[in-house]
Amino acid sequence: HYGNAAGGVLQLFRPDPEDAARLRARYTGGAFGLHKLAVRGAVAGESGGALVHASHLRLDGYRQHSAAETTIAGAKLPFRPWRDFSLTTLID
């Protein structure tokens, strides 16, 4: 269903940080002035870690007044001080 009577849930999960530290960057460019840069990094240890991401998109658009620019950033910070206890902080 679409419109004001639409219902349902879309649930997405971020992966936990991996044991090995990683850093990844991706650039996308295209027609109509499309430029997107995305960066993601992760590090983890026995008692927690961090998964952070950020992206910036700029688009001139194919007609007047269709330009767009967005910046998004977030993080997932799991903390496991004991074997049977965990706390995860999400920042978006």
PDB file of N, CA and C in Angstrom:
ATOM      1  N   HIS A   1       0.835  -1.181   0.000  1.00  0.00           N
ATOM      2  CA  HIS A   1       0.000   0.000   0.000  1.00  0.00           C
ATOM      3  C   HIS A   1       0.876   1.239   0.000  1.00  0.00           C
ATOM      4  N   TYR A   2       0.398   2.280  -0.620  1.00  0.00           N
ATOM      5  CA  TYR A   2       1.109   3.538  -0.659  1.00  0.00           C
ATOM      6  C   TYR A   2       0.175   4.644  -0.188  1.00  0.00           C
ATOM      7  N   GLY A   3       0.729   5.775   0.168  1.00  0.00           N
ATOM      8  CA  GLY A   3      -0.080   6.897   0.600  1.00  0.00           C
ATOM      9  C   GLY A   3      -0.159   6.989   2.104  1.00  0.00           C
ATOM     10  N   ASN A   4      -1.162   7.722   2.607  1.00  0.00           N
ATOM     11  CA  ASN A   4      -1.244   7.962   4.039  1.00  0.00           C
ATOM     12  C   ASN A   4      -1.722   6.750   4.820  1.00  0.00           C
ATOM     13  N   ALA A   5      -2.206   5.694   4.164  1.00  0.00           N
ATOM     14  CA  ALA A   5      -2.652   4.489   4.859  1.00  0.00           C
ATOM     15  C   ALA A   5      -1.622   3.364   4.768  1.00  0.00           C
ATOM     16  N   ALA A   6      -0.425   3.705   4.336  1.00  0.00           N
ATOM     17  CA  ALA A   6       0.621   2.683   4.213  1.00  0.00           C
ATOM     18  C   ALA A   6       1.008   2.167   5.597  1.00  0.00           C
ATOM     19  N   GLY A   7       1.285   0.887   5.688  1.00  0.00           N
ATOM     20  CA  GLY A   7       1.684   0.309   6.970  1.00  0.00           C
ATOM     21  C   GLY A   7       2.819  -0.665   6.777  1.00  0.00           C
ATOM     22  N   GLY A   8       3.362  -1.124   7.885  1.00  0.00           N
ATOM     23  CA  GLY A   8       4.427  -2.111   7.816  1.00  0.00           C
ATOM     24  C   GLY A   8       5.682  -1.614   8.477  1.00  0.00           C
ATOM     25  N   VAL A   9       6.666  -2.488   8.522  1.00  0.00           N
ATOM     26  CA  VAL A   9       7.928  -2.192   9.176  1.00  0.00           C
ATOM     27  C   VAL A   9       9.063  -2.593   8.255  1.00  0.00           C
ATOM     28  N   LEU A  10      10.025  -1.743   8.142  1.00  0.00           N
ATOM     29  CA  LEU A  10      11.263  -2.052   7.438  1.00  0.00           C
ATOM     30  C   LEU A  10      12.357  -2.012   8.488  1.00  0.00           C
ATOM     31  N   GLN A  11      12.927  -3.172   8.811  1.00  0.00           N
ATOM     32  CA  GLN A  11      13.919  -3.257   9.877  1.00  0.00           C
ATOM     33  C   GLN A  11      15.251  -3.670   9.275  1.00  0.00           C
ATOM     34  N   LEU A  12      16.273  -2.853   9.506  1.00  0.00           N
ATOM     35  CA  LEU A  12      17.612  -3.110   8.993  1.00  0.00           C
ATOM     36  C   LEU A  12      18.574  -3.237  10.166  1.00  0.00           C
ATOM     37  N   PHE A  13      19.572  -4.090  10.024  1.00  0.00           N
ATOM     38  CA  PHE A  13      20.564  -4.279  11.062  1.00  0.00           C
ATOM     39  C   PHE A  13      21.941  -3.974  10.505  1.00  0.00           C
ATOM     40  N   ARG A  14      22.747  -3.273  11.280  1.00  0.00           N
ATOM     41  CA  ARG A  14      24.140  -3.051  10.917  1.00  0.00           C
ATOM     42  C   ARG A  14      24.958  -4.222  11.436  1.00  0.00           C
ATOM     43  N   PRO A  15      25.962  -4.633  10.704  1.00  0.00           N
ATOM     44  CA  PRO A  15      26.820  -5.706  11.214  1.00  0.00           C
ATOM     45  C   PRO A  15      27.655  -5.206  12.390  1.00  0.00           C
ATOM     46  N   ASP A  16      28.047  -6.119  13.248  1.00  0.00           N
ATOM     47  CA  ASP A  16      28.968  -5.768  14.325  1.00  0.00           C
ATOM     48  C   ASP A  16      30.357  -5.575  13.734  1.00  0.00           C
ATOM     49  N   PRO A  17      31.200  -4.759  14.376  1.00  0.00           N
ATOM     50  CA  PRO A  17      32.579  -4.608  13.908  1.00  0.00           C
ATOM     51  C   PRO A  17      33.302  -5.956  13.915  1.00  0.00           C
ATOM     52  N   GLU A  18      34.157  -6.155  12.942  1.00  0.00           N
ATOM     53  CA  GLU A  18      34.910  -7.395  12.841  1.00  0.00           C
ATOM     54  C   GLU A  18      36.168  -7.306  13.698  1.00  0.00           C
ATOM     55  N   ASP A  19      36.791  -8.446  13.943  1.00  0.00           N
ATOM     56  CA  ASP A  19      37.996  -8.490  14.770  1.00  0.00           C
ATOM     57  C   ASP A  19      39.153  -7.702  14.167  1.00  0.00           C
ATOM     58  N   ALA A  20      39.273  -7.706  12.860  1.00  0.00           N
ATOM     59  CA  ALA A  20      40.363  -6.989  12.196  1.00  0.00           C
ATOM     60  C   ALA A  20      39.927  -5.552  11.897  1.00  0.00           C
ATOM     61  N   ALA A  21      40.830  -4.605  12.089  1.00  0.00           N
ATOM     62  CA  ALA A  21      40.545  -3.208  11.768  1.00  0.00           C
ATOM     63  C   ALA A  21      40.447  -3.072  10.247  1.00  0.00           C
ATOM     64  N   ARG A  22      39.452  -2.313   9.804  1.00  0.00           N
ATOM     65  CA  ARG A  22      39.247  -2.113   8.362  1.00  0.00           C
ATOM     66  C   ARG A  22      38.883  -0.661   8.086  1.00  0.00           C
ATOM     67  N   LEU A  23      39.284  -0.178   6.931  1.00  0.00           N
ATOM     68  CA  LEU A  23      38.906   1.139   6.454  1.00  0.00           C
ATOM     69  C   LEU A  23      38.622   1.013   4.964  1.00  0.00           C
ATOM     70  N   ARG A  24      37.474   1.516   4.552  1.00  0.00           N
ATOM     71  CA  ARG A  24      37.094   1.404   3.139  1.00  0.00           C
ATOM     72  C   ARG A  24      36.524   2.739   2.676  1.00  0.00           C
ATOM     73  N   ALA A  25      36.906   3.171   1.497  1.00  0.00           N
ATOM     74  CA  ALA A  25      36.389   4.396   0.893  1.00  0.00           C
ATOM     75  C   ALA A  25      35.919   4.076  -0.511  1.00  0.00           C
ATOM     76  N   ARG A  26      34.839   4.731  -0.929  1.00  0.00           N
ATOM     77  CA  ARG A  26      34.290   4.511  -2.269  1.00  0.00           C
ATOM     78  C   ARG A  26      33.861   5.854  -2.851  1.00  0.00           C
ATOM     79  N   TYR A  27      34.225   6.095  -4.110  1.00  0.00           N
ATOM     80  CA  TYR A  27      33.813   7.308  -4.820  1.00  0.00           C
ATOM     81  C   TYR A  27      32.979   6.887  -6.014  1.00  0.00           C
ATOM     82  N   THR A  28      31.873   7.582  -6.225  1.00  0.00           N
ATOM     83  CA  THR A  28      31.016   7.343  -7.382  1.00  0.00           C
ATOM     84  C   THR A  28      30.795   8.670  -8.087  1.00  0.00           C
ATOM     85  N   GLY A  29      30.976   8.683  -9.391  1.00  0.00           N
ATOM     86  CA  GLY A  29      30.723   9.878 -10.191  1.00  0.00           C
ATOM     87  C   GLY A  29      29.896   9.493 -11.398  1.00  0.00           C
ATOM     88  N   GLY A  30      29.116  10.437 -11.896  1.00  0.00           N
ATOM     89  CA  GLY A  30      28.280  10.111 -13.043  1.00  0.00           C
ATOM     90  C   GLY A  30      27.728  11.345 -13.727  1.00  0.00           C
ATOM     91  N   ALA A  31      26.762  11.095 -14.558  1.00  0.00           N
ATOM     92  CA  ALA A  31      26.130  12.154 -15.332  1.00  0.00           C
ATOM     93  C   ALA A  31      25.406  13.135 -14.418  1.00  0.00           C
ATOM     94  N   PHE A  32      25.161  14.335 -14.960  1.00  0.00           N
ATOM     95  CA  PHE A  32      24.429  15.397 -14.273  1.00  0.00           C
ATOM     96  C   PHE A  32      25.117  15.834 -12.980  1.00  0.00           C
ATOM     97  N   GLY A  33      26.445  15.744 -12.958  1.00  0.00           N
ATOM     98  CA  GLY A  33      27.213  16.226 -11.826  1.00  0.00           C
ATOM     99  C   GLY A  33      27.132  15.360 -10.585  1.00  0.00           C
ATOM    100  N   LEU A  34      26.935  14.060 -10.751  1.00  0.00           N
ATOM    101  CA  LEU A  34      26.851  13.160  -9.606  1.00  0.00           C
ATOM    102  C   LEU A  34      28.241  12.924  -9.019  1.00  0.00           C
ATOM    103  N   HIS A  35      28.364  13.191  -7.725  1.00  0.00           N
ATOM    104  CA  HIS A  35      29.581  12.921  -6.965  1.00  0.00           C
ATOM    105  C   HIS A  35      29.158  12.361  -5.611  1.00  0.00           C
ATOM    106  N   LYS A  36      29.646  11.172  -5.250  1.00  0.00           N
ATOM    107  CA  LYS A  36      29.353  10.601  -3.944  1.00  0.00           C
ATOM    108  C   LYS A  36      30.625   9.991  -3.387  1.00  0.00           C
ATOM    109  N   LEU A  37      30.928  10.344  -2.143  1.00  0.00           N
ATOM    110  CA  LEU A  37      32.072   9.789  -1.434  1.00  0.00           C
ATOM    111  C   LEU A  37      31.553   9.132  -0.167  1.00  0.00           C
ATOM    112  N   ALA A  38      31.893   7.869   0.033  1.00  0.00           N
ATOM    113  CA  ALA A  38      31.480   7.128   1.221  1.00  0.00           C
ATOM    114  C   ALA A  38      32.706   6.523   1.883  1.00  0.00           C
ATOM    115  N   VAL A  39      32.768   6.616   3.215  1.00  0.00           N
ATOM    116  CA  VAL A  39      33.879   6.095   3.998  1.00  0.00           C
ATOM    117  C   VAL A  39      33.302   5.261   5.132  1.00  0.00           C
ATOM    118  N   ARG A  40      33.933   4.101   5.386  1.00  0.00           N
ATOM    119  CA  ARG A  40      33.484   3.211   6.455  1.00  0.00           C
ATOM    120  C   ARG A  40      34.713   2.626   7.143  1.00  0.00           C
ATOM    121  N   GLY A  41      34.691   2.609   8.460  1.00  0.00           N
ATOM    122  CA  GLY A  41      35.802   2.056   9.214  1.00  0.00           C
ATOM    123  C   GLY A  41      35.293   1.221  10.373  1.00  0.00           C
ATOM    124  N   ALA A  42      36.046   0.209  10.743  1.00  0.00           N
ATOM    125  CA  ALA A  42      35.650  -0.667  11.845  1.00  0.00           C
ATOM    126  C   ALA A  42      36.877  -1.164  12.581  1.00  0.00           C
ATOM    127  N   VAL A  43      36.709  -1.324  13.893  1.00  0.00           N
ATOM    128  CA  VAL A  43      37.730  -1.908  14.735  1.00  0.00           C
ATOM    129  C   VAL A  43      37.011  -2.592  15.894  1.00  0.00           C
ATOM    130  N   ALA A  44      37.542  -3.713  16.349  1.00  0.00           N
ATOM    131  CA  ALA A  44      36.901  -4.450  17.442  1.00  0.00           C
ATOM    132  C   ALA A  44      37.945  -5.101  18.323  1.00  0.00           C
ATOM    133  N   GLY A  45      37.552  -5.310  19.554  1.00  0.00           N
ATOM    134  CA  GLY A  45      38.391  -6.005  20.521  1.00  0.00           C
ATOM    135  C   GLY A  45      37.524  -6.969  21.312  1.00  0.00           C
ATOM    136  N   GLU A  46      38.058  -7.520  22.369  1.00  0.00           N
ATOM    137  CA  GLU A  46      37.319  -8.492  23.163  1.00  0.00           C
ATOM    138  C   GLU A  46      36.101  -7.892  23.855  1.00  0.00           C
ATOM    139  N   SER A  47      36.209  -6.635  24.309  1.00  0.00           N
ATOM    140  CA  SER A  47      35.104  -6.066  25.073  1.00  0.00           C
ATOM    141  C   SER A  47      34.287  -5.035  24.303  1.00  0.00           C
ATOM    142  N   GLY A  48      34.541  -4.851  23.026  1.00  0.00           N
ATOM    143  CA  GLY A  48      33.748  -3.898  22.259  1.00  0.00           C
ATOM    144  C   GLY A  48      34.431  -3.485  20.984  1.00  0.00           C
ATOM    145  N   GLY A  49      33.918  -2.417  20.396  1.00  0.00           N
ATOM    146  CA  GLY A  49      34.494  -1.949  19.150  1.00  0.00           C
ATOM    147  C   GLY A  49      33.741  -0.746  18.632  1.00  0.00           C
ATOM    148  N   ALA A  50      33.960  -0.441  17.363  1.00  0.00           N
ATOM    149  CA  ALA A  50      33.307   0.689  16.724  1.00  0.00           C
ATOM    150  C   ALA A  50      33.179   0.421  15.232  1.00  0.00           C
ATOM    151  N   LEU A  51      32.037   0.774  14.695  1.00  0.00           N
ATOM    152  CA  LEU A  51      31.777   0.742  13.257  1.00  0.00           C
ATOM    153  C   LEU A  51      31.236   2.126  12.909  1.00  0.00           C
ATOM    154  N   VAL A  52      31.982   2.898  12.111  1.00  0.00           N
ATOM    155  CA  VAL A  52      31.561   4.251  11.763  1.00  0.00           C
ATOM    156  C   VAL A  52      31.470   4.383  10.241  1.00  0.00           C
ATOM    157  N   HIS A  53      30.551   5.235   9.820  1.00  0.00           N
ATOM    158  CA  HIS A  53      30.374   5.454   8.386  1.00  0.00           C
ATOM    159  C   HIS A  53      29.958   6.897   8.141  1.00  0.00           C
ATOM    160  N   ALA A  54      30.310   7.407   6.963  1.00  0.00           N
ATOM    161  CA  ALA A  54      29.921   8.746   6.551  1.00  0.00           C
ATOM    162  C   ALA A  54      29.887   8.788   5.034  1.00  0.00           C
ATOM    163  N   SER A  55      28.952   9.573   4.486  1.00  0.00           N
ATOM    164  CA  SER A  55      28.902   9.750   3.038  1.00  0.00           C
ATOM    165  C   SER A  55      28.402  11.149   2.708  1.00  0.00           C
ATOM    166  N   HIS A  56      28.838  11.627   1.556  1.00  0.00           N
ATOM    167  CA  HIS A  56      28.399  12.932   1.055  1.00  0.00           C
ATOM    168  C   HIS A  56      28.046  12.765  -0.413  1.00  0.00           C
ATOM    169  N   LEU A  57      26.878  13.244  -0.799  1.00  0.00           N
ATOM    170  CA  LEU A  57      26.394  13.139  -2.172  1.00  0.00           C
ATOM    171  C   LEU A  57      26.069  14.521  -2.692  1.00  0.00           C
ATOM    172  N   ARG A  58      26.493  14.800  -3.914  1.00  0.00           N
ATOM    173  CA  ARG A  58      26.132  16.040  -4.601  1.00  0.00           C
ATOM    174  C   ARG A  58      25.685  15.699  -6.009  1.00  0.00           C
ATOM    175  N   LEU A  59      24.567  16.282  -6.431  1.00  0.00           N
ATOM    176  CA  LEU A  59      23.996  16.024  -7.751  1.00  0.00           C
ATOM    177  C   LEU A  59      23.465  17.336  -8.303  1.00  0.00           C
ATOM    178  N   ASP A  60      23.907  17.699  -9.505  1.00  0.00           N
ATOM    179  CA  ASP A  60      23.419  18.925 -10.133  1.00  0.00           C
ATOM    180  C   ASP A  60      22.000  18.749 -10.674  1.00  0.00           C
ATOM    181  N   GLY A  61      21.645  17.545 -11.067  1.00  0.00           N
ATOM    182  CA  GLY A  61      20.311  17.279 -11.602  1.00  0.00           C
ATOM    183  C   GLY A  61      20.241  17.480 -13.094  1.00  0.00           C
ATOM    184  N   TYR A  62      19.207  16.923 -13.701  1.00  0.00           N
ATOM    185  CA  TYR A  62      19.078  17.000 -15.161  1.00  0.00           C
ATOM    186  C   TYR A  62      18.146  18.113 -15.602  1.00  0.00           C
ATOM    187  N   ARG A  63      17.563  18.847 -14.677  1.00  0.00           N
ATOM    188  CA  ARG A  63      16.714  19.982 -15.026  1.00  0.00           C
ATOM    189  C   ARG A  63      16.875  21.053 -13.944  1.00  0.00           C
ATOM    190  N   GLN A  64      16.314  22.204 -14.189  1.00  0.00           N
ATOM    191  CA  GLN A  64      16.411  23.303 -13.246  1.00  0.00           C
ATOM    192  C   GLN A  64      15.744  22.928 -11.913  1.00  0.00           C
ATOM    193  N   HIS A  65      16.360  23.292 -10.817  1.00  0.00           N
ATOM    194  CA  HIS A  65      15.860  23.038  -9.460  1.00  0.00           C
ATOM    195  C   HIS A  65      15.837  21.558  -9.079  1.00  0.00           C
ATOM    196  N   SER A  66      16.615  20.713  -9.734  1.00  0.00           N
ATOM    197  CA  SER A  66      16.654  19.297  -9.353  1.00  0.00           C
ATOM    198  C   SER A  66      17.981  18.903  -8.700  1.00  0.00           C
ATOM    199  N   ALA A  67      18.751  19.878  -8.260  1.00  0.00           N
ATOM    200  CA  ALA A  67      20.018  19.600  -7.585  1.00  0.00           C
ATOM    201  C   ALA A  67      19.755  19.060  -6.183  1.00  0.00           C
ATOM    202  N   ALA A  68      20.694  18.273  -5.692  1.00  0.00           N
ATOM    203  CA  ALA A  68      20.564  17.710  -4.349  1.00  0.00           C
ATOM    204  C   ALA A  68      21.947  17.612  -3.714  1.00  0.00           C
ATOM    205  N   GLU A  69      21.968  17.738  -2.383  1.00  0.00           N
ATOM    206  CA  GLU A  69      23.200  17.564  -1.634  1.00  0.00           C
ATOM    207  C   GLU A  69      22.834  17.011  -0.263  1.00  0.00           C
ATOM    208  N   THR A  70      23.450  15.888   0.115  1.00  0.00           N
ATOM    209  CA  THR A  70      23.174  15.272   1.417  1.00  0.00           C
ATOM    210  C   THR A  70      24.474  14.786   2.048  1.00  0.00           C
ATOM    211  N   THR A  71      24.499  14.822   3.363  1.00  0.00           N
ATOM    212  CA  THR A  71      25.602  14.270   4.141  1.00  0.00           C
ATOM    213  C   THR A  71      24.997  13.394   5.226  1.00  0.00           C
ATOM    214  N   ILE A  72      25.502  12.167   5.350  1.00  0.00           N
ATOM    215  CA  ILE A  72      24.989  11.204   6.312  1.00  0.00           C
ATOM    216  C   ILE A  72      26.172  10.627   7.087  1.00  0.00           C
ATOM    217  N   ALA A  73      25.995  10.444   8.389  1.00  0.00           N
ATOM    218  CA  ALA A  73      27.037   9.831   9.211  1.00  0.00           C
ATOM    219  C   ALA A  73      26.384   9.051  10.341  1.00  0.00           C
ATOM    220  N   GLY A  74      27.086   8.033  10.817  1.00  0.00           N
ATOM    221  CA  GLY A  74      26.562   7.240  11.915  1.00  0.00           C
ATOM    222  C   GLY A  74      27.616   6.319  12.489  1.00  0.00           C
ATOM    223  N   ALA A  75      27.245   5.672  13.588  1.00  0.00           N
ATOM    224  CA  ALA A  75      28.183   4.763  14.243  1.00  0.00           C
ATOM    225  C   ALA A  75      27.420   3.695  15.018  1.00  0.00           C
ATOM    226  N   LYS A  76      28.044   2.549  15.168  1.00  0.00           N
ATOM    227  CA  LYS A  76      27.557   1.472  16.022  1.00  0.00           C
ATOM    228  C   LYS A  76      28.689   1.132  16.982  1.00  0.00           C
ATOM    229  N   LEU A  77      28.393   1.219  18.283  1.00  0.00           N
ATOM    230  CA  LEU A  77      29.418   1.026  19.301  1.00  0.00           C
ATOM    231  C   LEU A  77      28.985  -0.070  20.267  1.00  0.00           C
ATOM    232  N   PRO A  78      29.326  -1.316  19.979  1.00  0.00           N
ATOM    233  CA  PRO A  78      28.984  -2.395  20.912  1.00  0.00           C
ATOM    234  C   PRO A  78      29.994  -2.461  22.062  1.00  0.00           C
ATOM    235  N   PHE A  79      29.485  -2.784  23.251  1.00  0.00           N
ATOM    236  CA  PHE A  79      30.325  -2.881  24.444  1.00  0.00           C
ATOM    237  C   PHE A  79      29.929  -4.155  25.187  1.00  0.00           C
ATOM    238  N   ARG A  80      30.895  -5.056  25.401  1.00  0.00           N
ATOM    239  CA  ARG A  80      30.647  -6.331  26.075  1.00  0.00           C
ATOM    240  C   ARG A  80      31.601  -6.474  27.267  1.00  0.00           C
ATOM    241  N   PRO A  81      31.247  -5.900  28.423  1.00  0.00           N
ATOM    242  CA  PRO A  81      32.153  -5.994  29.567  1.00  0.00           C
ATOM    243  C   PRO A  81      32.186  -7.388  30.188  1.00  0.00           C
ATOM    244  N   TRP A  82      31.108  -8.152  30.058  1.00  0.00           N
ATOM    245  CA  TRP A  82      31.034  -9.513  30.591  1.00  0.00           C
ATOM    246  C   TRP A  82      30.479 -10.429  29.518  1.00  0.00           C
ATOM    247  N   ARG A  83      30.658 -11.708  29.681  1.00  0.00           N
ATOM    248  CA  ARG A  83      30.230 -12.677  28.674  1.00  0.00           C
ATOM    249  C   ARG A  83      28.721 -12.640  28.421  1.00  0.00           C
ATOM    250  N   ASP A  84      27.917 -12.475  29.463  1.00  0.00           N
ATOM    251  CA  ASP A  84      26.458 -12.530  29.315  1.00  0.00           C
ATOM    252  C   ASP A  84      25.795 -11.160  29.279  1.00  0.00           C
ATOM    253  N   PHE A  85      26.544 -10.110  29.018  1.00  0.00           N
ATOM    254  CA  PHE A  85      25.990  -8.763  29.010  1.00  0.00           C
ATOM    255  C   PHE A  85      26.572  -7.986  27.845  1.00  0.00           C
ATOM    256  N   SER A  86      25.710  -7.293  27.127  1.00  0.00           N
ATOM    257  CA  SER A  86      26.198  -6.421  26.062  1.00  0.00           C
ATOM    258  C   SER A  86      25.322  -5.172  25.977  1.00  0.00           C
ATOM    259  N   LEU A  87      25.925  -4.095  25.565  1.00  0.00           N
ATOM    260  CA  LEU A  87      25.246  -2.813  25.388  1.00  0.00           C
ATOM    261  C   LEU A  87      25.710  -2.244  24.063  1.00  0.00           C
ATOM    262  N   THR A  88      24.772  -1.855  23.232  1.00  0.00           N
ATOM    263  CA  THR A  88      25.113  -1.303  21.928  1.00  0.00           C
ATOM    264  C   THR A  88      24.529   0.097  21.798  1.00  0.00           C
ATOM    265  N   THR A  89      25.357   1.046  21.399  1.00  0.00           N
ATOM    266  CA  THR A  89      24.921   2.418  21.150  1.00  0.00           C
ATOM    267  C   THR A  89      24.913   2.644  19.654  1.00  0.00           C
ATOM    268  N   LEU A  90      23.798   3.160  19.116  1.00  0.00           N
ATOM    269  CA  LEU A  90      23.680   3.508  17.696  1.00  0.00           C
ATOM    270  C   LEU A  90      23.566   5.017  17.584  1.00  0.00           C
ATOM    271  N   ILE A  91      24.351   5.593  16.707  1.00  0.00           N
ATOM    272  CA  ILE A  91      24.327   7.046  16.455  1.00  0.00           C
ATOM    273  C   ILE A  91      24.078   7.256  14.966  1.00  0.00           C
ATOM    274  N   ASP A  92      23.024   7.964  14.646  1.00  0.00           N
ATOM    275  CA  ASP A  92      22.714   8.293  13.242  1.00  0.00           C
ATOM    276  C   ASP A  92      22.394   9.753  13.118  1.00  0.00           C
TER     277      ASP A  92
END
